[in-house]
């Protein structure tokens, strides 16, 4: 795969970088880039910062909060974490066999790490998580991005992520700390996160036979504009998930889904989906389809039956979705 360099460590700029590459980058073939953030918590598209993150700790320790454009759960980044992004036309990703983070897994295996894809969105080593990843589709493009914990500060990670008790119980574990591992422990011949980045870039680009793509100043200016207008705003990072009058919550195959509804005169005036669930499409597009619908099972079931619910909630059926709203 061809590759880009993104030397920024600004979480808000880097969220804009991902969006630019997904929506505005010419994609003649799949490409990848490896990047880092200064200390930051990155929440999923559908999450509520107040319930997922220890915000007072972030403020006291100058840790940024950023919201990404993909689903999944909150993650902590520091400069000992390496992130990857793979972007391409959806059919090309499937054709080249890179429609999952499997190339990252195989690159880690080549470096001697016994890494495996597992569950909904994890890369595990010896049963412990070293990476989480998520997907986002836009028109005929798909982006896959995720983390690689090289030597992340586990104590800080435990402080910043306010993980719900039921999530810990589902996984049968005692704390965030026990779930994760650093790749440094499995890479005795890699001396630093920078060296890991160099080695992964070499492997994924086939010893640099797939050449680098260099963004010009105009493209970088567009990314900065996206960051300013969206990813640095309070409205995006904090105001994206409004409260509602009715709340439904359920643990499903796609993740935890929490539904907030405002009902006015028997109809859905507003509906929001919050949680660490995964799906290809932003749930805001599904919400728009449901606003104005009478809030009863039959009225919801009829339009939902004609939708591919798994686009928004991986592997969820229309019947399961209707049950979520009413059971």
C-alpha atoms as a PDB file:
ATOM      1  CA  UNK A   1       0.000   0.000   0.000  1.00  0.00           C
ATOM      2  CA  UNK A   2       1.120   3.546  -0.635  1.00  0.00           C
ATOM      3  CA  UNK A   3       1.467   5.726   2.432  1.00  0.00           C
ATOM      4  CA  UNK A   4       1.285   9.225   3.841  1.00  0.00           C
ATOM      5  CA  UNK A   5       3.170  10.928   6.647  1.00  0.00           C
ATOM      6  CA  UNK A   6       1.227  12.826   9.281  1.00  0.00           C
ATOM      7  CA  UNK A   7       3.648  14.365  11.770  1.00  0.00           C
ATOM      8  CA  UNK A   8       0.998  16.220  13.789  1.00  0.00           C
ATOM      9  CA  UNK A   9       0.384  15.188  17.402  1.00  0.00           C
ATOM     10  CA  UNK A  10      -2.695  17.448  17.749  1.00  0.00           C
ATOM     11  CA  UNK A  11      -5.698  15.163  18.305  1.00  0.00           C
ATOM     12  CA  UNK A  12      -8.189  17.583  16.746  1.00  0.00           C
ATOM     13  CA  UNK A  13      -6.078  18.091  13.622  1.00  0.00           C
ATOM     14  CA  UNK A  14      -5.600  14.342  13.357  1.00  0.00           C
ATOM     15  CA  UNK A  15      -9.342  13.673  13.528  1.00  0.00           C
ATOM     16  CA  UNK A  16      -9.709  16.155  10.652  1.00  0.00           C
ATOM     17  CA  UNK A  17      -6.846  14.413   8.807  1.00  0.00           C
ATOM     18  CA  UNK A  18      -8.758  11.132   8.932  1.00  0.00           C
ATOM     19  CA  UNK A  19     -11.933  12.764   7.671  1.00  0.00           C
ATOM     20  CA  UNK A  20     -10.101  14.528   4.833  1.00  0.00           C
ATOM     21  CA  UNK A  21      -8.454  11.305   3.688  1.00  0.00           C
ATOM     22  CA  UNK A  22     -11.781   9.457   3.759  1.00  0.00           C
ATOM     23  CA  UNK A  23     -13.849  12.103   1.977  1.00  0.00           C
ATOM     24  CA  UNK A  24     -11.505  14.247  -0.113  1.00  0.00           C
ATOM     25  CA  UNK A  25      -8.346  12.280  -0.868  1.00  0.00           C
ATOM     26  CA  UNK A  26      -8.049  10.847  -4.401  1.00  0.00           C
ATOM     27  CA  UNK A  27      -7.919   7.099  -3.798  1.00  0.00           C
ATOM     28  CA  UNK A  28      -6.508   5.308  -6.826  1.00  0.00           C
ATOM     29  CA  UNK A  29      -5.471   2.460  -4.519  1.00  0.00           C
ATOM     30  CA  UNK A  30      -5.598   1.791  -0.765  1.00  0.00           C
ATOM     31  CA  UNK A  31      -3.218   3.834   1.359  1.00  0.00           C
ATOM     32  CA  UNK A  32      -2.151   3.912   5.004  1.00  0.00           C
ATOM     33  CA  UNK A  33      -0.507   6.234   7.487  1.00  0.00           C
ATOM     34  CA  UNK A  34       0.862   5.876  11.004  1.00  0.00           C
ATOM     35  CA  UNK A  35       0.440   8.726  13.465  1.00  0.00           C
ATOM     36  CA  UNK A  36       0.455   9.804  17.118  1.00  0.00           C
ATOM     37  CA  UNK A  37      -1.415  12.080  19.494  1.00  0.00           C
ATOM     38  CA  UNK A  38      -0.125  13.991  22.482  1.00  0.00           C
ATOM     39  CA  UNK A  39      -2.096  12.894  25.591  1.00  0.00           C
ATOM     40  CA  UNK A  40      -5.779  12.793  24.618  1.00  0.00           C
ATOM     41  CA  UNK A  41      -8.935  10.781  25.101  1.00  0.00           C
ATOM     42  CA  UNK A  42     -10.683   9.970  21.832  1.00  0.00           C
ATOM     43  CA  UNK A  43     -14.362   9.114  22.189  1.00  0.00           C
ATOM     44  CA  UNK A  44     -16.482   7.292  19.634  1.00  0.00           C
ATOM     45  CA  UNK A  45     -18.958   9.032  17.362  1.00  0.00           C
ATOM     46  CA  UNK A  46     -21.936   7.890  19.426  1.00  0.00           C
ATOM     47  CA  UNK A  47     -20.596   8.351  22.963  1.00  0.00           C
ATOM     48  CA  UNK A  48     -21.388  10.827  25.710  1.00  0.00           C
ATOM     49  CA  UNK A  49     -18.197  12.341  27.113  1.00  0.00           C
ATOM     50  CA  UNK A  50     -19.740  12.860  30.549  1.00  0.00           C
ATOM     51  CA  UNK A  51     -20.455   9.156  31.066  1.00  0.00           C
ATOM     52  CA  UNK A  52     -17.347   7.706  29.408  1.00  0.00           C
ATOM     53  CA  UNK A  53     -14.505   9.987  30.505  1.00  0.00           C
ATOM     54  CA  UNK A  54     -13.127  11.355  33.790  1.00  0.00           C
ATOM     55  CA  UNK A  55     -13.387  14.960  32.617  1.00  0.00           C
ATOM     56  CA  UNK A  56     -12.039  16.599  35.823  1.00  0.00           C
ATOM     57  CA  UNK A  57      -8.904  14.450  35.502  1.00  0.00           C
ATOM     58  CA  UNK A  58      -8.491  15.517  31.871  1.00  0.00           C
ATOM     59  CA  UNK A  59      -8.795  19.171  32.800  1.00  0.00           C
ATOM     60  CA  UNK A  60      -6.380  18.889  35.722  1.00  0.00           C
ATOM     61  CA  UNK A  61      -3.762  17.099  33.621  1.00  0.00           C
ATOM     62  CA  UNK A  62      -4.074  19.045  30.354  1.00  0.00           C
ATOM     63  CA  UNK A  63      -5.330  16.028  28.413  1.00  0.00           C
ATOM     64  CA  UNK A  64      -7.405  16.829  25.344  1.00  0.00           C
ATOM     65  CA  UNK A  65     -10.811  15.415  24.545  1.00  0.00           C
ATOM     66  CA  UNK A  66     -11.599  14.670  20.904  1.00  0.00           C
ATOM     67  CA  UNK A  67     -14.487  12.933  19.152  1.00  0.00           C
ATOM     68  CA  UNK A  68     -13.791  10.841  16.067  1.00  0.00           C
ATOM     69  CA  UNK A  69     -16.090  10.040  13.142  1.00  0.00           C
ATOM     70  CA  UNK A  70     -16.223   6.292  13.823  1.00  0.00           C
ATOM     71  CA  UNK A  71     -18.106   4.235  16.394  1.00  0.00           C
ATOM     72  CA  UNK A  72     -16.650   2.124  19.182  1.00  0.00           C
ATOM     73  CA  UNK A  73     -15.456   3.060  22.631  1.00  0.00           C
ATOM     74  CA  UNK A  74     -13.239   5.688  24.217  1.00  0.00           C
ATOM     75  CA  UNK A  75      -9.457   5.233  24.020  1.00  0.00           C
ATOM     76  CA  UNK A  76      -6.509   6.959  25.652  1.00  0.00           C
ATOM     77  CA  UNK A  77      -3.614   8.104  23.457  1.00  0.00           C
ATOM     78  CA  UNK A  78      -0.192   9.340  24.473  1.00  0.00           C
ATOM     79  CA  UNK A  79       3.103   9.560  22.616  1.00  0.00           C
ATOM     80  CA  UNK A  80       3.853   5.913  23.422  1.00  0.00           C
ATOM     81  CA  UNK A  81       0.787   4.880  21.403  1.00  0.00           C
ATOM     82  CA  UNK A  82       0.951   4.470  17.623  1.00  0.00           C
ATOM     83  CA  UNK A  83      -2.193   4.836  15.517  1.00  0.00           C
ATOM     84  CA  UNK A  84      -2.827   3.473  12.052  1.00  0.00           C
ATOM     85  CA  UNK A  85      -5.332   4.451   9.370  1.00  0.00           C
ATOM     86  CA  UNK A  86      -6.102   2.524   6.178  1.00  0.00           C
ATOM     87  CA  UNK A  87      -8.286   4.210   3.546  1.00  0.00           C
ATOM     88  CA  UNK A  88      -9.444   3.103   0.119  1.00  0.00           C
ATOM     89  CA  UNK A  89     -12.336   2.478  -2.174  1.00  0.00           C
ATOM     90  CA  UNK A  90     -14.420  -0.197  -0.500  1.00  0.00           C
ATOM     91  CA  UNK A  91     -14.158  -2.643  -3.408  1.00  0.00           C
ATOM     92  CA  UNK A  92     -10.388  -2.113  -3.622  1.00  0.00           C
ATOM     93  CA  UNK A  93      -9.966  -2.819   0.091  1.00  0.00           C
ATOM     94  CA  UNK A  94     -11.892  -6.049  -0.341  1.00  0.00           C
ATOM     95  CA  UNK A  95      -9.965  -6.948  -3.522  1.00  0.00           C
ATOM     96  CA  UNK A  96      -6.585  -6.392  -1.864  1.00  0.00           C
ATOM     97  CA  UNK A  97      -7.686  -8.163   1.321  1.00  0.00           C
ATOM     98  CA  UNK A  98      -7.248  -5.111   3.560  1.00  0.00           C
ATOM     99  CA  UNK A  99     -10.874  -4.529   4.582  1.00  0.00           C
ATOM    100  CA  UNK A 100      -9.855  -5.270   8.193  1.00  0.00           C
ATOM    101  CA  UNK A 101      -6.701  -4.576  10.231  1.00  0.00           C
ATOM    102  CA  UNK A 102      -5.326  -7.983   9.158  1.00  0.00           C
ATOM    103  CA  UNK A 103      -2.311  -6.331   7.410  1.00  0.00           C
ATOM    104  CA  UNK A 104      -1.428  -4.713  10.761  1.00  0.00           C
ATOM    105  CA  UNK A 105      -1.759  -8.073  12.510  1.00  0.00           C
ATOM    106  CA  UNK A 106       0.450  -9.765   9.907  1.00  0.00           C
ATOM    107  CA  UNK A 107       3.051  -7.004  10.189  1.00  0.00           C
ATOM    108  CA  UNK A 108       3.152  -7.458  13.975  1.00  0.00           C
ATOM    109  CA  UNK A 109       3.486 -11.208  13.490  1.00  0.00           C
ATOM    110  CA  UNK A 110       6.419 -10.617  11.137  1.00  0.00           C
ATOM    111  CA  UNK A 111       8.063  -8.675  13.973  1.00  0.00           C
ATOM    112  CA  UNK A 112       7.566 -11.624  16.312  1.00  0.00           C
ATOM    113  CA  UNK A 113       4.363 -10.572  18.122  1.00  0.00           C
ATOM    114  CA  UNK A 114       1.707 -13.345  18.454  1.00  0.00           C
ATOM    115  CA  UNK A 115      -1.104 -10.928  17.544  1.00  0.00           C
ATOM    116  CA  UNK A 116      -4.619 -12.040  16.576  1.00  0.00           C
ATOM    117  CA  UNK A 117      -7.834 -10.334  15.530  1.00  0.00           C
ATOM    118  CA  UNK A 118     -10.522 -11.076  18.110  1.00  0.00           C
ATOM    119  CA  UNK A 119     -14.092 -10.160  18.987  1.00  0.00           C
ATOM    120  CA  UNK A 120     -15.792  -7.128  17.485  1.00  0.00           C
ATOM    121  CA  UNK A 121     -12.837  -4.803  17.175  1.00  0.00           C
ATOM    122  CA  UNK A 122      -9.744  -5.906  19.077  1.00  0.00           C
ATOM    123  CA  UNK A 123      -6.228  -7.069  18.346  1.00  0.00           C
ATOM    124  CA  UNK A 124      -5.100  -9.329  21.184  1.00  0.00           C
ATOM    125  CA  UNK A 125      -1.744 -10.696  22.323  1.00  0.00           C
ATOM    126  CA  UNK A 126      -1.892 -13.544  24.856  1.00  0.00           C
ATOM    127  CA  UNK A 127      -5.557 -12.691  25.463  1.00  0.00           C
ATOM    128  CA  UNK A 128      -4.852  -9.040  26.287  1.00  0.00           C
ATOM    129  CA  UNK A 129      -5.790  -6.045  24.176  1.00  0.00           C
ATOM    130  CA  UNK A 130      -3.059  -4.102  22.391  1.00  0.00           C
ATOM    131  CA  UNK A 131      -5.321  -2.451  19.820  1.00  0.00           C
ATOM    132  CA  UNK A 132      -8.908  -1.427  19.188  1.00  0.00           C
ATOM    133  CA  UNK A 133     -10.162  -0.434  15.767  1.00  0.00           C
ATOM    134  CA  UNK A 134     -13.244   0.964  14.021  1.00  0.00           C
ATOM    135  CA  UNK A 135     -14.593   1.552  10.499  1.00  0.00           C
ATOM    136  CA  UNK A 136     -16.397   4.338   8.690  1.00  0.00           C
ATOM    137  CA  UNK A 137     -17.882   4.362   5.202  1.00  0.00           C
ATOM    138  CA  UNK A 138     -18.351   7.408   2.979  1.00  0.00           C
ATOM    139  CA  UNK A 139     -19.905   6.914  -0.463  1.00  0.00           C
ATOM    140  CA  UNK A 140     -17.744   4.167  -2.024  1.00  0.00           C
ATOM    141  CA  UNK A 141     -14.838   4.703   0.385  1.00  0.00           C
ATOM    142  CA  UNK A 142     -14.031   2.963   3.673  1.00  0.00           C
ATOM    143  CA  UNK A 143     -11.650   3.945   6.453  1.00  0.00           C
ATOM    144  CA  UNK A 144     -10.258   1.564   9.075  1.00  0.00           C
ATOM    145  CA  UNK A 145      -8.307   3.050  11.959  1.00  0.00           C
ATOM    146  CA  UNK A 146      -7.065   1.927  15.335  1.00  0.00           C
ATOM    147  CA  UNK A 147      -4.510   2.046  18.112  1.00  0.00           C
ATOM    148  CA  UNK A 148      -1.295   0.157  18.814  1.00  0.00           C
ATOM    149  CA  UNK A 149      -0.202   0.425  22.436  1.00  0.00           C
ATOM    150  CA  UNK A 150       3.601   0.369  22.477  1.00  0.00           C
ATOM    151  CA  UNK A 151       4.375   1.651  25.984  1.00  0.00           C
ATOM    152  CA  UNK A 152       1.260   3.569  27.016  1.00  0.00           C
ATOM    153  CA  UNK A 153       0.949   4.878  30.592  1.00  0.00           C
ATOM    154  CA  UNK A 154      -1.508   2.292  31.955  1.00  0.00           C
ATOM    155  CA  UNK A 155      -2.061   4.202  35.208  1.00  0.00           C
ATOM    156  CA  UNK A 156      -3.227   7.287  33.320  1.00  0.00           C
ATOM    157  CA  UNK A 157      -5.310   5.147  30.973  1.00  0.00           C
ATOM    158  CA  UNK A 158      -7.100   3.688  34.004  1.00  0.00           C
ATOM    159  CA  UNK A 159      -7.763   7.166  35.426  1.00  0.00           C
ATOM    160  CA  UNK A 160      -9.147   8.795  32.284  1.00  0.00           C
ATOM    161  CA  UNK A 161     -11.537   6.089  31.113  1.00  0.00           C
ATOM    162  CA  UNK A 162     -14.639   5.834  33.298  1.00  0.00           C
ATOM    163  CA  UNK A 163     -15.625   2.342  32.138  1.00  0.00           C
ATOM    164  CA  UNK A 164     -19.106   1.209  33.170  1.00  0.00           C
ATOM    165  CA  UNK A 165     -19.339  -1.642  35.691  1.00  0.00           C
ATOM    166  CA  UNK A 166     -21.553  -3.777  33.442  1.00  0.00           C
ATOM    167  CA  UNK A 167     -18.960  -3.654  30.668  1.00  0.00           C
ATOM    168  CA  UNK A 168     -16.327  -5.006  33.020  1.00  0.00           C
ATOM    169  CA  UNK A 169     -18.704  -7.770  34.126  1.00  0.00           C
ATOM    170  CA  UNK A 170     -19.535  -8.782  30.565  1.00  0.00           C
ATOM    171  CA  UNK A 171     -15.866  -9.358  29.820  1.00  0.00           C
ATOM    172  CA  UNK A 172     -15.303 -11.099  33.150  1.00  0.00           C
ATOM    173  CA  UNK A 173     -12.415  -8.859  34.193  1.00  0.00           C
ATOM    174  CA  UNK A 174     -11.583  -6.764  37.238  1.00  0.00           C
ATOM    175  CA  UNK A 175     -10.333  -3.493  35.783  1.00  0.00           C
ATOM    176  CA  UNK A 176      -9.239  -1.664  32.651  1.00  0.00           C
ATOM    177  CA  UNK A 177      -5.632  -2.324  33.602  1.00  0.00           C
ATOM    178  CA  UNK A 178      -6.001  -6.111  33.471  1.00  0.00           C
ATOM    179  CA  UNK A 179      -7.438  -6.055  29.955  1.00  0.00           C
ATOM    180  CA  UNK A 180      -4.586  -4.336  28.156  1.00  0.00           C
ATOM    181  CA  UNK A 181      -0.937  -4.932  27.317  1.00  0.00           C
ATOM    182  CA  UNK A 182       1.897  -2.945  25.786  1.00  0.00           C
ATOM    183  CA  UNK A 183       3.631  -4.196  22.652  1.00  0.00           C
ATOM    184  CA  UNK A 184       7.014  -3.211  24.093  1.00  0.00           C
ATOM    185  CA  UNK A 185       6.872  -6.364  26.212  1.00  0.00           C
ATOM    186  CA  UNK A 186       6.712  -8.465  23.029  1.00  0.00           C
ATOM    187  CA  UNK A 187       9.261  -6.562  20.932  1.00  0.00           C
ATOM    188  CA  UNK A 188      12.691  -6.968  22.558  1.00  0.00           C
ATOM    189  CA  UNK A 189      14.430  -5.935  19.338  1.00  0.00           C
ATOM    190  CA  UNK A 190      12.406  -2.719  18.912  1.00  0.00           C
ATOM    191  CA  UNK A 191      13.916   0.065  21.009  1.00  0.00           C
ATOM    192  CA  UNK A 192      11.234   2.755  20.702  1.00  0.00           C
ATOM    193  CA  UNK A 193       7.803   3.635  19.327  1.00  0.00           C
ATOM    194  CA  UNK A 194       9.573   5.513  16.512  1.00  0.00           C
ATOM    195  CA  UNK A 195      11.414   2.356  15.539  1.00  0.00           C
ATOM    196  CA  UNK A 196       8.141   0.416  15.606  1.00  0.00           C
ATOM    197  CA  UNK A 197       6.618   3.004  13.285  1.00  0.00           C
ATOM    198  CA  UNK A 198       9.554   2.705  10.872  1.00  0.00           C
ATOM    199  CA  UNK A 199       9.361  -1.073  10.819  1.00  0.00           C
ATOM    200  CA  UNK A 200       5.600  -1.179  10.280  1.00  0.00           C
ATOM    201  CA  UNK A 201       5.830   1.400   7.512  1.00  0.00           C
ATOM    202  CA  UNK A 202       8.543  -0.659   5.827  1.00  0.00           C
ATOM    203  CA  UNK A 203       6.522  -3.881   6.001  1.00  0.00           C
ATOM    204  CA  UNK A 204       3.191  -2.375   4.935  1.00  0.00           C
ATOM    205  CA  UNK A 205       4.775  -0.522   1.978  1.00  0.00           C
ATOM    206  CA  UNK A 206       6.654  -3.638   0.853  1.00  0.00           C
ATOM    207  CA  UNK A 207      10.069  -2.194   1.678  1.00  0.00           C
ATOM    208  CA  UNK A 208       8.944   1.169   0.283  1.00  0.00           C
ATOM    209  CA  UNK A 209       8.282  -0.176  -3.208  1.00  0.00           C
ATOM    210  CA  UNK A 210       4.827   1.378  -2.700  1.00  0.00           C
ATOM    211  CA  UNK A 211       5.759   5.048  -2.707  1.00  0.00           C
ATOM    212  CA  UNK A 212       4.874   7.877  -0.349  1.00  0.00           C
ATOM    213  CA  UNK A 213       2.094  10.345  -1.195  1.00  0.00           C
ATOM    214  CA  UNK A 214       2.880  13.913  -0.094  1.00  0.00           C
ATOM    215  CA  UNK A 215       0.053  16.322   0.741  1.00  0.00           C
ATOM    216  CA  UNK A 216       0.486  19.866  -0.540  1.00  0.00           C
ATOM    217  CA  UNK A 217       0.029  23.085   1.428  1.00  0.00           C
ATOM    218  CA  UNK A 218      -3.486  23.612   0.080  1.00  0.00           C
ATOM    219  CA  UNK A 219      -4.596  20.172   1.258  1.00  0.00           C
ATOM    220  CA  UNK A 220      -3.063  20.731   4.699  1.00  0.00           C
ATOM    221  CA  UNK A 221      -4.886  24.073   4.909  1.00  0.00           C
ATOM    222  CA  UNK A 222      -8.185  22.326   4.180  1.00  0.00           C
ATOM    223  CA  UNK A 223      -7.475  19.841   6.993  1.00  0.00           C
ATOM    224  CA  UNK A 224      -6.771  22.691   9.404  1.00  0.00           C
ATOM    225  CA  UNK A 225     -10.027  24.366   8.375  1.00  0.00           C
ATOM    226  CA  UNK A 226     -11.957  21.142   9.057  1.00  0.00           C
ATOM    227  CA  UNK A 227     -10.292  20.924  12.467  1.00  0.00           C
ATOM    228  CA  UNK A 228     -11.245  24.511  13.319  1.00  0.00           C
ATOM    229  CA  UNK A 229     -14.815  24.320  12.092  1.00  0.00           C
ATOM    230  CA  UNK A 230     -15.662  20.895  13.537  1.00  0.00           C
ATOM    231  CA  UNK A 231     -13.197  18.900  15.597  1.00  0.00           C
ATOM    232  CA  UNK A 232     -12.066  21.675  17.958  1.00  0.00           C
ATOM    233  CA  UNK A 233     -15.591  22.853  18.756  1.00  0.00           C
ATOM    234  CA  UNK A 234     -17.539  22.307  21.975  1.00  0.00           C
ATOM    235  CA  UNK A 235     -20.581  21.416  19.877  1.00  0.00           C
ATOM    236  CA  UNK A 236     -18.787  18.419  18.361  1.00  0.00           C
ATOM    237  CA  UNK A 237     -16.824  17.142  21.357  1.00  0.00           C
ATOM    238  CA  UNK A 238     -19.395  17.725  24.117  1.00  0.00           C
ATOM    239  CA  UNK A 239     -22.714  18.703  22.544  1.00  0.00           C
ATOM    240  CA  UNK A 240     -23.033  15.891  20.032  1.00  0.00           C
ATOM    241  CA  UNK A 241     -25.189  13.649  22.304  1.00  0.00           C
ATOM    242  CA  UNK A 242     -28.177  15.515  23.771  1.00  0.00           C
ATOM    243  CA  UNK A 243     -30.335  14.204  26.599  1.00  0.00           C
ATOM    244  CA  UNK A 244     -33.844  12.841  26.053  1.00  0.00           C
ATOM    245  CA  UNK A 245     -36.942  11.873  28.015  1.00  0.00           C
ATOM    246  CA  UNK A 246     -36.945   8.097  27.461  1.00  0.00           C
ATOM    247  CA  UNK A 247     -33.851   5.932  27.749  1.00  0.00           C
ATOM    248  CA  UNK A 248     -33.448   2.335  26.593  1.00  0.00           C
ATOM    249  CA  UNK A 249     -30.181   0.425  27.026  1.00  0.00           C
ATOM    250  CA  UNK A 250     -29.085  -3.042  25.971  1.00  0.00           C
ATOM    251  CA  UNK A 251     -25.894  -5.009  25.417  1.00  0.00           C
ATOM    252  CA  UNK A 252     -26.025  -6.454  21.890  1.00  0.00           C
ATOM    253  CA  UNK A 253     -23.686  -8.236  19.512  1.00  0.00           C
ATOM    254  CA  UNK A 254     -22.571  -4.905  18.042  1.00  0.00           C
ATOM    255  CA  UNK A 255     -21.845  -3.413  21.473  1.00  0.00           C
ATOM    256  CA  UNK A 256     -23.735  -1.443  24.093  1.00  0.00           C
ATOM    257  CA  UNK A 257     -26.539   0.668  22.618  1.00  0.00           C
ATOM    258  CA  UNK A 258     -28.281   3.368  24.658  1.00  0.00           C
ATOM    259  CA  UNK A 259     -31.279   5.040  23.012  1.00  0.00           C
ATOM    260  CA  UNK A 260     -32.453   8.502  24.093  1.00  0.00           C
ATOM    261  CA  UNK A 261     -35.858   9.552  22.816  1.00  0.00           C
ATOM    262  CA  UNK A 262     -37.929  12.681  23.003  1.00  0.00           C
ATOM    263  CA  UNK A 263     -41.564  11.979  22.310  1.00  0.00           C
ATOM    264  CA  UNK A 264     -43.960  14.823  21.421  1.00  0.00           C
ATOM    265  CA  UNK A 265     -47.638  14.260  20.782  1.00  0.00           C
ATOM    266  CA  UNK A 266     -47.092  10.528  20.373  1.00  0.00           C
ATOM    267  CA  UNK A 267     -44.385  10.925  17.728  1.00  0.00           C
ATOM    268  CA  UNK A 268     -40.618  10.778  17.840  1.00  0.00           C
ATOM    269  CA  UNK A 269     -39.399  14.349  17.992  1.00  0.00           C
ATOM    270  CA  UNK A 270     -35.797  13.345  18.582  1.00  0.00           C
ATOM    271  CA  UNK A 271     -33.863  10.073  18.855  1.00  0.00           C
ATOM    272  CA  UNK A 272     -30.173   9.589  19.588  1.00  0.00           C
ATOM    273  CA  UNK A 273     -27.999   6.489  19.850  1.00  0.00           C
ATOM    274  CA  UNK A 274     -25.108   6.496  22.322  1.00  0.00           C
ATOM    275  CA  UNK A 275     -22.625   3.757  23.110  1.00  0.00           C
ATOM    276  CA  UNK A 276     -19.592   1.803  21.940  1.00  0.00           C
ATOM    277  CA  UNK A 277     -21.449  -0.062  19.179  1.00  0.00           C
ATOM    278  CA  UNK A 278     -19.957  -0.476  15.722  1.00  0.00           C
ATOM    279  CA  UNK A 279     -21.478   0.167  12.324  1.00  0.00           C
ATOM    280  CA  UNK A 280     -20.475   1.340   8.874  1.00  0.00           C
ATOM    281  CA  UNK A 281     -22.823   4.347   8.672  1.00  0.00           C
ATOM    282  CA  UNK A 282     -23.287   7.276  11.083  1.00  0.00           C
ATOM    283  CA  UNK A 283     -26.422   6.741  13.163  1.00  0.00           C
ATOM    284  CA  UNK A 284     -27.517  10.321  12.516  1.00  0.00           C
ATOM    285  CA  UNK A 285     -28.791   9.148   9.109  1.00  0.00           C
ATOM    286  CA  UNK A 286     -30.997   6.515  10.775  1.00  0.00           C
ATOM    287  CA  UNK A 287     -32.285   9.037  13.317  1.00  0.00           C
ATOM    288  CA  UNK A 288     -33.491  11.306  10.516  1.00  0.00           C
ATOM    289  CA  UNK A 289     -35.504   8.427   9.052  1.00  0.00           C
ATOM    290  CA  UNK A 290     -37.305   7.845  12.372  1.00  0.00           C
ATOM    291  CA  UNK A 291     -38.130  11.420  13.423  1.00  0.00           C
ATOM    292  CA  UNK A 292     -41.848  12.063  13.065  1.00  0.00           C
ATOM    293  CA  UNK A 293     -42.792   8.378  13.292  1.00  0.00           C
ATOM    294  CA  UNK A 294     -45.558   7.442  15.787  1.00  0.00           C
ATOM    295  CA  UNK A 295     -43.931   5.815  18.807  1.00  0.00           C
ATOM    296  CA  UNK A 296     -45.514   2.389  18.833  1.00  0.00           C
ATOM    297  CA  UNK A 297     -44.096  -0.990  17.877  1.00  0.00           C
ATOM    298  CA  UNK A 298     -46.008  -1.448  14.627  1.00  0.00           C
ATOM    299  CA  UNK A 299     -45.317   2.068  13.357  1.00  0.00           C
ATOM    300  CA  UNK A 300     -41.602   1.612  14.029  1.00  0.00           C
ATOM    301  CA  UNK A 301     -41.418  -1.991  12.781  1.00  0.00           C
ATOM    302  CA  UNK A 302     -42.875  -1.234   9.338  1.00  0.00           C
ATOM    303  CA  UNK A 303     -40.271   1.304   8.115  1.00  0.00           C
ATOM    304  CA  UNK A 304     -37.435  -0.465   9.936  1.00  0.00           C
ATOM    305  CA  UNK A 305     -38.246  -3.732   8.136  1.00  0.00           C
ATOM    306  CA  UNK A 306     -37.310  -2.028   4.858  1.00  0.00           C
ATOM    307  CA  UNK A 307     -33.938  -0.807   6.161  1.00  0.00           C
ATOM    308  CA  UNK A 308     -30.622  -2.646   6.407  1.00  0.00           C
ATOM    309  CA  UNK A 309     -30.197  -2.075  10.142  1.00  0.00           C
ATOM    310  CA  UNK A 310     -26.774  -3.789  10.102  1.00  0.00           C
ATOM    311  CA  UNK A 311     -25.384  -0.747   8.242  1.00  0.00           C
ATOM    312  CA  UNK A 312     -25.727   1.189  11.505  1.00  0.00           C
ATOM    313  CA  UNK A 313     -25.411  -1.678  14.021  1.00  0.00           C
ATOM    314  CA  UNK A 314     -23.155  -4.555  12.972  1.00  0.00           C
ATOM    315  CA  UNK A 315     -25.134  -7.818  12.516  1.00  0.00           C
ATOM    316  CA  UNK A 316     -28.310  -6.428  14.140  1.00  0.00           C
ATOM    317  CA  UNK A 317     -31.660  -7.404  12.623  1.00  0.00           C
ATOM    318  CA  UNK A 318     -34.705  -5.156  12.201  1.00  0.00           C
ATOM    319  CA  UNK A 319     -36.589  -7.200  14.817  1.00  0.00           C
ATOM    320  CA  UNK A 320     -33.760  -6.873  17.346  1.00  0.00           C
ATOM    321  CA  UNK A 321     -33.656  -3.134  16.732  1.00  0.00           C
ATOM    322  CA  UNK A 322     -37.406  -2.797  17.353  1.00  0.00           C
ATOM    323  CA  UNK A 323     -37.041  -4.867  20.535  1.00  0.00           C
ATOM    324  CA  UNK A 324     -34.332  -2.455  21.678  1.00  0.00           C
ATOM    325  CA  UNK A 325     -36.762   0.475  21.498  1.00  0.00           C
ATOM    326  CA  UNK A 326     -39.665  -1.214  23.277  1.00  0.00           C
ATOM    327  CA  UNK A 327     -38.403  -4.034  25.523  1.00  0.00           C
END
